[in-house]
Amino acid sequence: MTIHTVEIPEDSEVFGETSGAFARFGYSAAVRAHGLLFIAGTIGRRADGTIADTIEEQTEIAIRRIEEVLRLENLDLSALVDVTSYHVDIHQHLPGFLEAKQRLIKGPFPTWSLIGVSGLASPGLLVEIRATAAYPDASR
C-alpha cells in the first residue's frame, strides 16, 4: 500500500504561520491512500494565527483550508465524499455555519455529519471540519 502525505508549503497564503502546527503537534495536513484523500480537521484560524470572531468567518476559513489542501492534490471541493464537522454551542451557531457552508459547498454534496462538542483545541474556536475526498482515478 502506498501512502503519501500532503505537505503544506511554508509560504501558503491560506495557512500562513499556522502551517507549523503540523510539525508541532505531529500530524499531516492530509494523507492519500487507496484512492482517497483524508484531510485532518481544519479550523477557523486566520493565516496570521488569530481566531476569527464569527462562526461564518471560522467556517469559511476552515473550508478554504480544505480547498487549499485539495488544490495541492489537483482536486477541488467537488471531490469531497465525506465530511464531519464539530461544533461548539451547535444550536446557537448552526444558522451561521449553514449560511457559510451553503455559499461555498455546491452539489453534488458529500455526506456530512455535524457533531456538537463542549470545546475544541483553543478557546474561541467554534468549528472544526475534517473531510475525505476521492480521486477521479482510484488507482492513486
Protein backbone atom coordinates (compact mmCIF):
# COMPACT_ATOMS: atom_id res chain seq x y z
CA MET A 1 0.00 0.00 0.00
CA THR A 2 1.36 3.40 -0.98
CA ILE A 3 0.70 6.25 1.42
CA HIS A 4 1.51 9.84 0.52
CA THR A 5 1.36 12.75 2.95
CA VAL A 6 0.39 16.19 1.73
CA GLU A 7 2.76 18.90 2.90
CA ILE A 8 1.56 22.49 3.24
CA PRO A 9 4.17 24.85 1.79
CA GLU A 10 5.66 27.26 4.33
CA ASP A 11 4.67 30.19 2.11
CA SER A 12 1.00 29.15 1.88
CA GLU A 13 -1.20 32.25 1.85
CA VAL A 14 -4.12 30.23 3.24
CA PHE A 15 -2.30 28.58 6.16
CA GLY A 16 0.37 31.24 6.74
CA GLU A 17 2.21 30.97 10.02
CA THR A 18 -0.21 28.30 11.25
CA SER A 19 1.38 25.68 8.94
CA GLY A 20 3.92 24.98 11.70
CA ALA A 21 1.18 23.29 13.75
CA PHE A 22 1.52 20.07 11.73
CA ALA A 23 5.11 19.51 12.86
CA ARG A 24 4.50 20.89 16.35
CA PHE A 25 1.59 18.54 17.03
CA GLY A 26 2.92 15.63 14.92
CA TYR A 27 0.30 15.11 12.24
CA SER A 28 -0.16 15.54 8.49
CA ALA A 29 -2.49 18.01 6.81
CA ALA A 30 -3.73 15.14 4.65
CA VAL A 31 -2.84 11.59 3.70
CA ARG A 32 -3.52 9.92 0.36
CA ALA A 33 -4.23 6.17 0.42
CA HIS A 34 -6.37 3.74 -1.60
CA GLY A 35 -7.67 6.45 -3.94
CA LEU A 36 -8.85 8.65 -1.09
CA LEU A 37 -7.51 11.82 0.49
CA PHE A 38 -8.03 12.03 4.26
CA ILE A 39 -7.88 15.67 5.38
CA ALA A 40 -7.17 16.47 9.02
CA GLY A 41 -9.51 18.69 10.96
CA THR A 42 -9.31 22.31 9.86
CA ILE A 43 -10.25 25.30 11.99
CA GLY A 44 -11.11 28.98 11.66
CA ARG A 45 -7.66 30.32 12.44
CA ARG A 46 -6.51 33.09 10.10
CA ALA A 47 -3.13 32.88 8.34
CA ASP A 48 -1.70 35.30 10.95
CA GLY A 49 -2.67 32.86 13.72
CA THR A 50 -5.64 34.78 15.11
CA ILE A 51 -9.02 33.12 15.52
CA ALA A 52 -11.91 34.60 13.58
CA ASP A 53 -14.68 36.04 15.78
CA THR A 54 -17.78 34.75 14.00
CA ILE A 55 -18.96 31.27 13.09
CA GLU A 56 -19.43 32.43 9.50
CA GLU A 57 -15.80 33.53 9.15
CA GLN A 58 -14.46 30.48 11.00
CA THR A 59 -16.46 28.19 8.72
CA GLU A 60 -15.25 29.98 5.61
CA ILE A 61 -11.62 29.82 6.72
CA ALA A 62 -11.90 26.11 7.57
CA ILE A 63 -13.48 25.30 4.20
CA ARG A 64 -10.91 27.44 2.36
CA ARG A 65 -8.17 25.44 4.11
CA ILE A 66 -9.76 22.21 2.91
CA GLU A 67 -9.99 23.71 -0.55
CA GLU A 68 -6.26 24.56 -0.43
CA VAL A 69 -5.31 21.00 0.55
CA LEU A 70 -7.45 19.72 -2.32
CA ARG A 71 -5.80 22.20 -4.72
CA LEU A 72 -2.36 20.89 -3.76
CA GLU A 73 -3.59 17.47 -4.94
CA ASN A 74 -5.19 18.85 -8.16
CA LEU A 75 -8.69 18.41 -6.73
CA ASP A 76 -11.46 20.81 -5.75
CA LEU A 77 -14.38 20.81 -3.33
CA SER A 78 -16.43 18.63 -5.68
CA ALA A 79 -14.07 15.74 -4.82
CA LEU A 80 -15.34 15.64 -1.22
CA VAL A 81 -17.20 12.44 -0.38
CA ASP A 82 -17.47 12.53 3.41
CA VAL A 83 -17.24 15.43 5.87
CA THR A 84 -17.59 15.66 9.64
CA SER A 85 -17.81 18.97 11.47
CA TYR A 86 -17.51 19.52 15.21
CA HIS A 87 -19.44 22.45 16.69
CA VAL A 88 -19.20 24.31 19.99
CA ASP A 89 -22.69 25.51 21.03
CA ILE A 90 -24.11 23.81 17.93
CA HIS A 91 -27.67 25.10 18.33
CA GLN A 92 -26.53 28.70 18.67
CA HIS A 93 -24.06 28.62 15.76
CA LEU A 94 -25.76 26.28 13.30
CA PRO A 95 -27.55 29.02 11.29
CA GLY A 96 -24.30 30.94 10.66
CA PHE A 97 -22.42 27.75 9.87
CA LEU A 98 -25.07 26.69 7.35
CA GLU A 99 -25.06 30.12 5.69
CA ALA A 100 -21.30 29.94 5.08
CA LYS A 101 -21.40 26.26 4.11
CA GLN A 102 -24.18 26.80 1.57
CA ARG A 103 -22.24 29.66 -0.02
CA LEU A 104 -19.12 27.53 -0.50
CA ILE A 105 -20.21 23.90 -0.94
CA LYS A 106 -22.13 23.11 -4.13
CA GLY A 107 -23.62 19.85 -5.38
CA PRO A 108 -23.08 17.05 -5.75
CA PHE A 109 -22.95 17.17 -1.99
CA PRO A 110 -20.77 14.91 0.15
CA THR A 111 -22.15 13.08 3.14
CA TRP A 112 -21.87 15.36 6.16
CA SER A 113 -22.16 14.67 9.90
CA LEU A 114 -22.49 17.53 12.41
CA ILE A 115 -21.41 16.79 15.98
CA GLY A 116 -21.83 19.06 18.98
CA VAL A 117 -18.81 19.26 21.31
CA SER A 118 -18.06 21.08 24.56
CA GLY A 119 -14.85 22.62 23.23
CA LEU A 120 -12.05 22.50 20.66
CA ALA A 121 -8.24 22.81 20.87
CA SER A 122 -8.14 26.56 21.54
CA PRO A 123 -10.58 28.87 23.35
CA GLY A 124 -12.64 30.80 20.82
CA LEU A 125 -12.73 28.06 18.19
CA LEU A 126 -16.33 27.30 17.25
CA VAL A 127 -15.97 24.73 14.46
CA GLU A 128 -13.52 22.12 13.18
CA ILE A 129 -14.07 20.34 9.88
CA ARG A 130 -12.42 17.12 8.70
CA ALA A 131 -13.01 15.64 5.27
CA THR A 132 -12.35 12.78 2.90
CA ALA A 133 -12.07 13.27 -0.85
CA ALA A 134 -11.90 10.75 -3.68
CA TYR A 135 -9.51 10.94 -6.63
CA PRO A 136 -11.10 10.53 -10.06
CA ASP A 137 -8.50 7.84 -10.79
CA ALA A 138 -8.87 5.42 -7.89
CA SER A 139 -5.53 3.77 -8.70
CA ARG A 140 -3.68 6.67 -6.99
